[in-house]
Amino acid sequence: MDKTTLYLDSEHYRRLKRVAFRRRVAPAVLVREAIAEYVAKHDTVRVARSVGAARSGRPDLGERAEALLAGFGTSR
């Protein structure tokens, strides 16, 4: 686990401590939970719209990719 420093205004800090006291946890636990929720919501990986847009006609393409690409890019 890494360590960081946060600066909170007095009102938010009082409220954080009050919630932590009620839940019987350290304020740091609440901060970690809040960050985990925020990151889960906002750190999504966007997939290009073109992914899955074409069909190769080969149902085994994903399983045989290495074999099908063998020699690709080499000079003859």
PDB file of N, CA and C in Angstrom:
ATOM      1  N   MET A   1       0.854  -1.171   0.000  1.00  0.00           N
ATOM      2  CA  MET A   1       0.000   0.000   0.000  1.00  0.00           C
ATOM      3  C   MET A   1       0.898   1.231   0.000  1.00  0.00           C
ATOM      4  N   ASP A   2       0.543   2.219  -0.789  1.00  0.00           N
ATOM      5  CA  ASP A   2       1.293   3.461  -0.855  1.00  0.00           C
ATOM      6  C   ASP A   2       0.658   4.504   0.063  1.00  0.00           C
ATOM      7  N   LYS A   3       1.429   5.506   0.382  1.00  0.00           N
ATOM      8  CA  LYS A   3       0.965   6.559   1.279  1.00  0.00           C
ATOM      9  C   LYS A   3       0.888   7.872   0.520  1.00  0.00           C
ATOM     10  N   THR A   4      -0.133   8.670   0.830  1.00  0.00           N
ATOM     11  CA  THR A   4      -0.275   9.996   0.247  1.00  0.00           C
ATOM     12  C   THR A   4      -0.807  10.946   1.314  1.00  0.00           C
ATOM     13  N   THR A   5      -0.777  12.217   1.020  1.00  0.00           N
ATOM     14  CA  THR A   5      -1.286  13.227   1.939  1.00  0.00           C
ATOM     15  C   THR A   5      -2.449  13.946   1.276  1.00  0.00           C
ATOM     16  N   LEU A   6      -3.536  14.128   2.027  1.00  0.00           N
ATOM     17  CA  LEU A   6      -4.697  14.854   1.534  1.00  0.00           C
ATOM     18  C   LEU A   6      -4.908  16.085   2.396  1.00  0.00           C
ATOM     19  N   TYR A   7      -5.328  17.153   1.777  1.00  0.00           N
ATOM     20  CA  TYR A   7      -5.715  18.352   2.507  1.00  0.00           C
ATOM     21  C   TYR A   7      -7.213  18.514   2.342  1.00  0.00           C
ATOM     22  N   LEU A   8      -7.933  18.480   3.452  1.00  0.00           N
ATOM     23  CA  LEU A   8      -9.385  18.621   3.437  1.00  0.00           C
ATOM     24  C   LEU A   8      -9.760  19.897   4.168  1.00  0.00           C
ATOM     25  N   ASP A   9     -10.849  20.522   3.724  1.00  0.00           N
ATOM     26  CA  ASP A   9     -11.307  21.672   4.495  1.00  0.00           C
ATOM     27  C   ASP A   9     -11.889  21.161   5.814  1.00  0.00           C
ATOM     28  N   SER A  10     -11.977  22.038   6.769  1.00  0.00           N
ATOM     29  CA  SER A  10     -12.361  21.649   8.136  1.00  0.00           C
ATOM     30  C   SER A  10     -13.713  20.945   8.195  1.00  0.00           C
ATOM     31  N   GLU A  11     -14.666  21.438   7.450  1.00  0.00           N
ATOM     32  CA  GLU A  11     -16.013  20.851   7.481  1.00  0.00           C
ATOM     33  C   GLU A  11     -16.008  19.420   6.954  1.00  0.00           C
ATOM     34  N   HIS A  12     -15.348  19.188   5.824  1.00  0.00           N
ATOM     35  CA  HIS A  12     -15.294  17.828   5.285  1.00  0.00           C
ATOM     36  C   HIS A  12     -14.545  16.897   6.233  1.00  0.00           C
ATOM     37  N   TYR A  13     -13.504  17.385   6.848  1.00  0.00           N
ATOM     38  CA  TYR A  13     -12.738  16.549   7.776  1.00  0.00           C
ATOM     39  C   TYR A  13     -13.583  16.174   8.997  1.00  0.00           C
ATOM     40  N   ARG A  14     -14.332  17.136   9.543  1.00  0.00           N
ATOM     41  CA  ARG A  14     -15.216  16.836  10.695  1.00  0.00           C
ATOM     42  C   ARG A  14     -16.260  15.796  10.305  1.00  0.00           C
ATOM     43  N   ARG A  15     -16.844  15.974   9.130  1.00  0.00           N
ATOM     44  CA  ARG A  15     -17.875  15.031   8.694  1.00  0.00           C
ATOM     45  C   ARG A  15     -17.287  13.642   8.440  1.00  0.00           C
ATOM     46  N   LEU A  16     -16.097  13.593   7.860  1.00  0.00           N
ATOM     47  CA  LEU A  16     -15.417  12.321   7.633  1.00  0.00           C
ATOM     48  C   LEU A  16     -15.171  11.595   8.957  1.00  0.00           C
ATOM     49  N   LYS A  17     -14.682  12.337   9.941  1.00  0.00           N
ATOM     50  CA  LYS A  17     -14.416  11.733  11.250  1.00  0.00           C
ATOM     51  C   LYS A  17     -15.704  11.256  11.919  1.00  0.00           C
ATOM     52  N   ARG A  18     -16.789  12.008  11.732  1.00  0.00           N
ATOM     53  CA  ARG A  18     -18.073  11.617  12.331  1.00  0.00           C
ATOM     54  C   ARG A  18     -18.580  10.309  11.715  1.00  0.00           C
ATOM     55  N   VAL A  19     -18.505  10.195  10.407  1.00  0.00           N
ATOM     56  CA  VAL A  19     -18.943   8.962   9.735  1.00  0.00           C
ATOM     57  C   VAL A  19     -18.042   7.797  10.140  1.00  0.00           C
ATOM     58  N   ALA A  20     -16.742   8.046  10.193  1.00  0.00           N
ATOM     59  CA  ALA A  20     -15.798   6.994  10.592  1.00  0.00           C
ATOM     60  C   ALA A  20     -16.090   6.520  12.008  1.00  0.00           C
ATOM     61  N   PHE A  21     -16.390   7.449  12.898  1.00  0.00           N
ATOM     62  CA  PHE A  21     -16.706   7.087  14.283  1.00  0.00           C
ATOM     63  C   PHE A  21     -17.954   6.213  14.344  1.00  0.00           C
ATOM     64  N   ARG A  22     -18.970   6.600  13.594  1.00  0.00           N
ATOM     65  CA  ARG A  22     -20.222   5.820  13.577  1.00  0.00           C
ATOM     66  C   ARG A  22     -20.004   4.413  13.033  1.00  0.00           C
ATOM     67  N   ARG A  23     -19.168   4.301  12.032  1.00  0.00           N
ATOM     68  CA  ARG A  23     -18.902   2.986  11.427  1.00  0.00           C
ATOM     69  C   ARG A  23     -17.808   2.217  12.164  1.00  0.00           C
ATOM     70  N   ARG A  24     -17.186   2.886  13.134  1.00  0.00           N
ATOM     71  CA  ARG A  24     -16.101   2.288  13.921  1.00  0.00           C
ATOM     72  C   ARG A  24     -14.924   1.844  13.051  1.00  0.00           C
ATOM     73  N   VAL A  25     -14.525   2.749  12.159  1.00  0.00           N
ATOM     74  CA  VAL A  25     -13.354   2.525  11.316  1.00  0.00           C
ATOM     75  C   VAL A  25     -12.524   3.800  11.324  1.00  0.00           C
ATOM     76  N   ALA A  26     -11.311   3.694  10.849  1.00  0.00           N
ATOM     77  CA  ALA A  26     -10.450   4.877  10.722  1.00  0.00           C
ATOM     78  C   ALA A  26     -10.908   5.710   9.530  1.00  0.00           C
ATOM     79  N   PRO A  27     -10.734   7.031   9.604  1.00  0.00           N
ATOM     80  CA  PRO A  27     -11.080   7.868   8.452  1.00  0.00           C
ATOM     81  C   PRO A  27     -10.367   7.427   7.168  1.00  0.00           C
ATOM     82  N   ALA A  28      -9.169   6.904   7.283  1.00  0.00           N
ATOM     83  CA  ALA A  28      -8.429   6.447   6.102  1.00  0.00           C
ATOM     84  C   ALA A  28      -9.173   5.329   5.378  1.00  0.00           C
ATOM     85  N   VAL A  29      -9.882   4.503   6.116  1.00  0.00           N
ATOM     86  CA  VAL A  29     -10.660   3.424   5.500  1.00  0.00           C
ATOM     87  C   VAL A  29     -11.736   4.024   4.592  1.00  0.00           C
ATOM     88  N   LEU A  30     -12.392   5.057   5.077  1.00  0.00           N
ATOM     89  CA  LEU A  30     -13.440   5.697   4.277  1.00  0.00           C
ATOM     90  C   LEU A  30     -12.859   6.366   3.034  1.00  0.00           C
ATOM     91  N   VAL A  31     -11.692   6.980   3.179  1.00  0.00           N
ATOM     92  CA  VAL A  31     -11.049   7.619   2.031  1.00  0.00           C
ATOM     93  C   VAL A  31     -10.696   6.564   0.989  1.00  0.00           C
ATOM     94  N   ARG A  32     -10.139   5.429   1.429  1.00  0.00           N
ATOM     95  CA  ARG A  32      -9.801   4.363   0.468  1.00  0.00           C
ATOM     96  C   ARG A  32     -11.047   3.831  -0.223  1.00  0.00           C
ATOM     97  N   GLU A  33     -12.135   3.648   0.532  1.00  0.00           N
ATOM     98  CA  GLU A  33     -13.389   3.175  -0.073  1.00  0.00           C
ATOM     99  C   GLU A  33     -13.904   4.178  -1.098  1.00  0.00           C
ATOM    100  N   ALA A  34     -13.863   5.452  -0.751  1.00  0.00           N
ATOM    101  CA  ALA A  34     -14.361   6.490  -1.656  1.00  0.00           C
ATOM    102  C   ALA A  34     -13.535   6.529  -2.942  1.00  0.00           C
ATOM    103  N   ILE A  35     -12.225   6.423  -2.811  1.00  0.00           N
ATOM    104  CA  ILE A  35     -11.364   6.440  -3.993  1.00  0.00           C
ATOM    105  C   ILE A  35     -11.612   5.210  -4.851  1.00  0.00           C
ATOM    106  N   ALA A  36     -11.778   4.049  -4.218  1.00  0.00           N
ATOM    107  CA  ALA A  36     -12.045   2.816  -4.974  1.00  0.00           C
ATOM    108  C   ALA A  36     -13.343   2.941  -5.768  1.00  0.00           C
ATOM    109  N   GLU A  37     -14.383   3.491  -5.152  1.00  0.00           N
ATOM    110  CA  GLU A  37     -15.653   3.678  -5.854  1.00  0.00           C
ATOM    111  C   GLU A  37     -15.509   4.661  -7.008  1.00  0.00           C
ATOM    112  N   TYR A  38     -14.806   5.758  -6.772  1.00  0.00           N
ATOM    113  CA  TYR A  38     -14.627   6.778  -7.799  1.00  0.00           C
ATOM    114  C   TYR A  38     -13.857   6.221  -8.996  1.00  0.00           C
ATOM    115  N   VAL A  39     -12.782   5.524  -8.712  1.00  0.00           N
ATOM    116  CA  VAL A  39     -11.955   4.970  -9.782  1.00  0.00           C
ATOM    117  C   VAL A  39     -12.730   3.916 -10.565  1.00  0.00           C
ATOM    118  N   ALA A  40     -13.494   3.075  -9.871  1.00  0.00           N
ATOM    119  CA  ALA A  40     -14.287   2.054 -10.559  1.00  0.00           C
ATOM    120  C   ALA A  40     -15.289   2.693 -11.515  1.00  0.00           C
ATOM    121  N   LYS A  41     -15.818   3.830 -11.119  1.00  0.00           N
ATOM    122  CA  LYS A  41     -16.825   4.505 -11.943  1.00  0.00           C
ATOM    123  C   LYS A  41     -16.198   5.281 -13.108  1.00  0.00           C
ATOM    124  N   HIS A  42     -15.063   5.920 -12.867  1.00  0.00           N
ATOM    125  CA  HIS A  42     -14.519   6.848 -13.849  1.00  0.00           C
ATOM    126  C   HIS A  42     -13.325   6.340 -14.643  1.00  0.00           C
ATOM    127  N   ASP A  43     -12.697   5.281 -14.233  1.00  0.00           N
ATOM    128  CA  ASP A  43     -11.510   4.793 -14.936  1.00  0.00           C
ATOM    129  C   ASP A  43     -11.879   3.601 -15.811  1.00  0.00           C
ATOM    130  N   THR A  44     -12.757   3.843 -16.750  1.00  0.00           N
ATOM    131  CA  THR A  44     -13.189   2.774 -17.635  1.00  0.00           C
ATOM    132  C   THR A  44     -12.346   2.807 -18.905  1.00  0.00           C
ATOM    133  N   VAL A  45     -12.108   1.663 -19.447  1.00  0.00           N
ATOM    134  CA  VAL A  45     -11.355   1.553 -20.690  1.00  0.00           C
ATOM    135  C   VAL A  45     -12.360   1.595 -21.830  1.00  0.00           C
ATOM    136  N   ARG A  46     -12.153   2.532 -22.702  1.00  0.00           N
ATOM    137  CA  ARG A  46     -13.063   2.650 -23.844  1.00  0.00           C
ATOM    138  C   ARG A  46     -12.564   1.781 -24.978  1.00  0.00           C
ATOM    139  N   VAL A  47     -13.463   1.036 -25.549  1.00  0.00           N
ATOM    140  CA  VAL A  47     -13.139   0.166 -26.674  1.00  0.00           C
ATOM    141  C   VAL A  47     -13.521   0.900 -27.950  1.00  0.00           C
ATOM    142  N   ALA A  48     -12.643   0.872 -28.904  1.00  0.00           N
ATOM    143  CA  ALA A  48     -12.918   1.531 -30.175  1.00  0.00           C
ATOM    144  C   ALA A  48     -14.178   0.956 -30.813  1.00  0.00           C
ATOM    145  N   ARG A  49     -14.940   1.796 -31.438  1.00  0.00           N
ATOM    146  CA  ARG A  49     -16.180   1.337 -32.073  1.00  0.00           C
ATOM    147  C   ARG A  49     -15.914   0.342 -33.181  1.00  0.00           C
ATOM    148  N   SER A  50     -14.707   0.356 -33.722  1.00  0.00           N
ATOM    149  CA  SER A  50     -14.380  -0.547 -34.819  1.00  0.00           C
ATOM    150  C   SER A  50     -14.137  -1.980 -34.351  1.00  0.00           C
ATOM    151  N   VAL A  51     -13.948  -2.180 -33.048  1.00  0.00           N
ATOM    152  CA  VAL A  51     -13.710  -3.533 -32.548  1.00  0.00           C
ATOM    153  C   VAL A  51     -14.962  -4.370 -32.775  1.00  0.00           C
ATOM    154  N   GLY A  52     -14.785  -5.464 -33.447  1.00  0.00           N
ATOM    155  CA  GLY A  52     -15.901  -6.362 -33.725  1.00  0.00           C
ATOM    156  C   GLY A  52     -16.739  -5.945 -34.924  1.00  0.00           C
ATOM    157  N   ALA A  53     -16.316  -4.921 -35.645  1.00  0.00           N
ATOM    158  CA  ALA A  53     -17.104  -4.424 -36.768  1.00  0.00           C
ATOM    159  C   ALA A  53     -16.973  -5.301 -38.014  1.00  0.00           C
ATOM    160  N   ALA A  54     -15.890  -6.050 -38.120  1.00  0.00           N
ATOM    161  CA  ALA A  54     -15.663  -6.873 -39.312  1.00  0.00           C
ATOM    162  C   ALA A  54     -15.706  -8.350 -38.948  1.00  0.00           C
ATOM    163  N   ARG A  55     -15.974  -9.158 -39.920  1.00  0.00           N
ATOM    164  CA  ARG A  55     -16.008 -10.611 -39.718  1.00  0.00           C
ATOM    165  C   ARG A  55     -14.962 -11.235 -40.625  1.00  0.00           C
ATOM    166  N   SER A  56     -14.149 -12.106 -40.070  1.00  0.00           N
ATOM    167  CA  SER A  56     -13.100 -12.752 -40.861  1.00  0.00           C
ATOM    168  C   SER A  56     -13.627 -13.975 -41.594  1.00  0.00           C
ATOM    169  N   GLY A  57     -14.734 -14.515 -41.109  1.00  0.00           N
ATOM    170  CA  GLY A  57     -15.246 -15.742 -41.694  1.00  0.00           C
ATOM    171  C   GLY A  57     -14.553 -16.977 -41.127  1.00  0.00           C
ATOM    172  N   ARG A  58     -13.635 -16.773 -40.186  1.00  0.00           N
ATOM    173  CA  ARG A  58     -12.896 -17.875 -39.578  1.00  0.00           C
ATOM    174  C   ARG A  58     -13.262 -17.953 -38.097  1.00  0.00           C
ATOM    175  N   PRO A  59     -14.048 -18.929 -37.707  1.00  0.00           N
ATOM    176  CA  PRO A  59     -14.431 -19.039 -36.305  1.00  0.00           C
ATOM    177  C   PRO A  59     -13.255 -19.408 -35.389  1.00  0.00           C
ATOM    178  N   ASP A  60     -12.152 -19.905 -35.964  1.00  0.00           N
ATOM    179  CA  ASP A  60     -11.000 -20.323 -35.170  1.00  0.00           C
ATOM    180  C   ASP A  60      -9.902 -19.264 -35.129  1.00  0.00           C
ATOM    181  N   LEU A  61     -10.174 -18.069 -35.603  1.00  0.00           N
ATOM    182  CA  LEU A  61      -9.135 -17.048 -35.732  1.00  0.00           C
ATOM    183  C   LEU A  61      -8.444 -16.758 -34.399  1.00  0.00           C
ATOM    184  N   GLY A  62      -9.190 -16.598 -33.334  1.00  0.00           N
ATOM    185  CA  GLY A  62      -8.604 -16.301 -32.031  1.00  0.00           C
ATOM    186  C   GLY A  62      -7.745 -17.430 -31.500  1.00  0.00           C
ATOM    187  N   GLU A  63      -8.126 -18.656 -31.769  1.00  0.00           N
ATOM    188  CA  GLU A  63      -7.371 -19.809 -31.261  1.00  0.00           C
ATOM    189  C   GLU A  63      -6.145 -20.130 -32.116  1.00  0.00           C
ATOM    190  N   ARG A  64      -6.180 -19.759 -33.375  1.00  0.00           N
ATOM    191  CA  ARG A  64      -5.081 -20.117 -34.282  1.00  0.00           C
ATOM    192  C   ARG A  64      -4.302 -18.911 -34.768  1.00  0.00           C
ATOM    193  N   ALA A  65      -4.397 -17.791 -34.082  1.00  0.00           N
ATOM    194  CA  ALA A  65      -3.770 -16.553 -34.553  1.00  0.00           C
ATOM    195  C   ALA A  65      -2.279 -16.729 -34.789  1.00  0.00           C
ATOM    196  N   GLU A  66      -1.569 -17.349 -33.861  1.00  0.00           N
ATOM    197  CA  GLU A  66      -0.118 -17.516 -34.020  1.00  0.00           C
ATOM    198  C   GLU A  66       0.217 -18.335 -35.260  1.00  0.00           C
ATOM    199  N   ALA A  67      -0.499 -19.433 -35.459  1.00  0.00           N
ATOM    200  CA  ALA A  67      -0.240 -20.285 -36.614  1.00  0.00           C
ATOM    201  C   ALA A  67      -0.574 -19.549 -37.912  1.00  0.00           C
ATOM    202  N   LEU A  68      -1.663 -18.820 -37.929  1.00  0.00           N
ATOM    203  CA  LEU A  68      -2.068 -18.104 -39.130  1.00  0.00           C
ATOM    204  C   LEU A  68      -1.124 -16.953 -39.466  1.00  0.00           C
ATOM    205  N   LEU A  69      -0.471 -16.382 -38.451  1.00  0.00           N
ATOM    206  CA  LEU A  69       0.445 -15.275 -38.676  1.00  0.00           C
ATOM    207  C   LEU A  69       1.901 -15.711 -38.830  1.00  0.00           C
ATOM    208  N   ALA A  70       2.153 -16.994 -38.763  1.00  0.00           N
ATOM    209  CA  ALA A  70       3.526 -17.497 -38.891  1.00  0.00           C
ATOM    210  C   ALA A  70       4.128 -17.028 -40.219  1.00  0.00           C
ATOM    211  N   GLY A  71       5.270 -16.411 -40.150  1.00  0.00           N
ATOM    212  CA  GLY A  71       5.934 -15.929 -41.350  1.00  0.00           C
ATOM    213  C   GLY A  71       5.482 -14.569 -41.826  1.00  0.00           C
ATOM    214  N   PHE A  72       4.472 -14.018 -41.224  1.00  0.00           N
ATOM    215  CA  PHE A  72       3.976 -12.707 -41.629  1.00  0.00           C
ATOM    216  C   PHE A  72       5.042 -11.648 -41.379  1.00  0.00           C
ATOM    217  N   GLY A  73       5.325 -10.832 -42.384  1.00  0.00           N
ATOM    218  CA  GLY A  73       6.304  -9.768 -42.254  1.00  0.00           C
ATOM    219  C   GLY A  73       7.736 -10.173 -42.591  1.00  0.00           C
ATOM    220  N   THR A  74       7.938 -11.402 -42.990  1.00  0.00           N
ATOM    221  CA  THR A  74       9.281 -11.829 -43.366  1.00  0.00           C
ATOM    222  C   THR A  74       9.416 -11.751 -44.876  1.00  0.00           C
ATOM    223  N   SER A  75      10.616 -11.504 -45.314  1.00  0.00           N
ATOM    224  CA  SER A  75      10.872 -11.427 -46.752  1.00  0.00           C
ATOM    225  C   SER A  75      10.927 -12.829 -47.346  1.00  0.00           C
ATOM    226  N   ARG A  76      10.531 -12.941 -48.572  1.00  0.00           N
ATOM    227  CA  ARG A  76      10.565 -14.244 -49.233  1.00  0.00           C
ATOM    228  C   ARG A  76      11.716 -14.321 -50.148  1.00  0.00           C
TER     229      ARG A  76
END
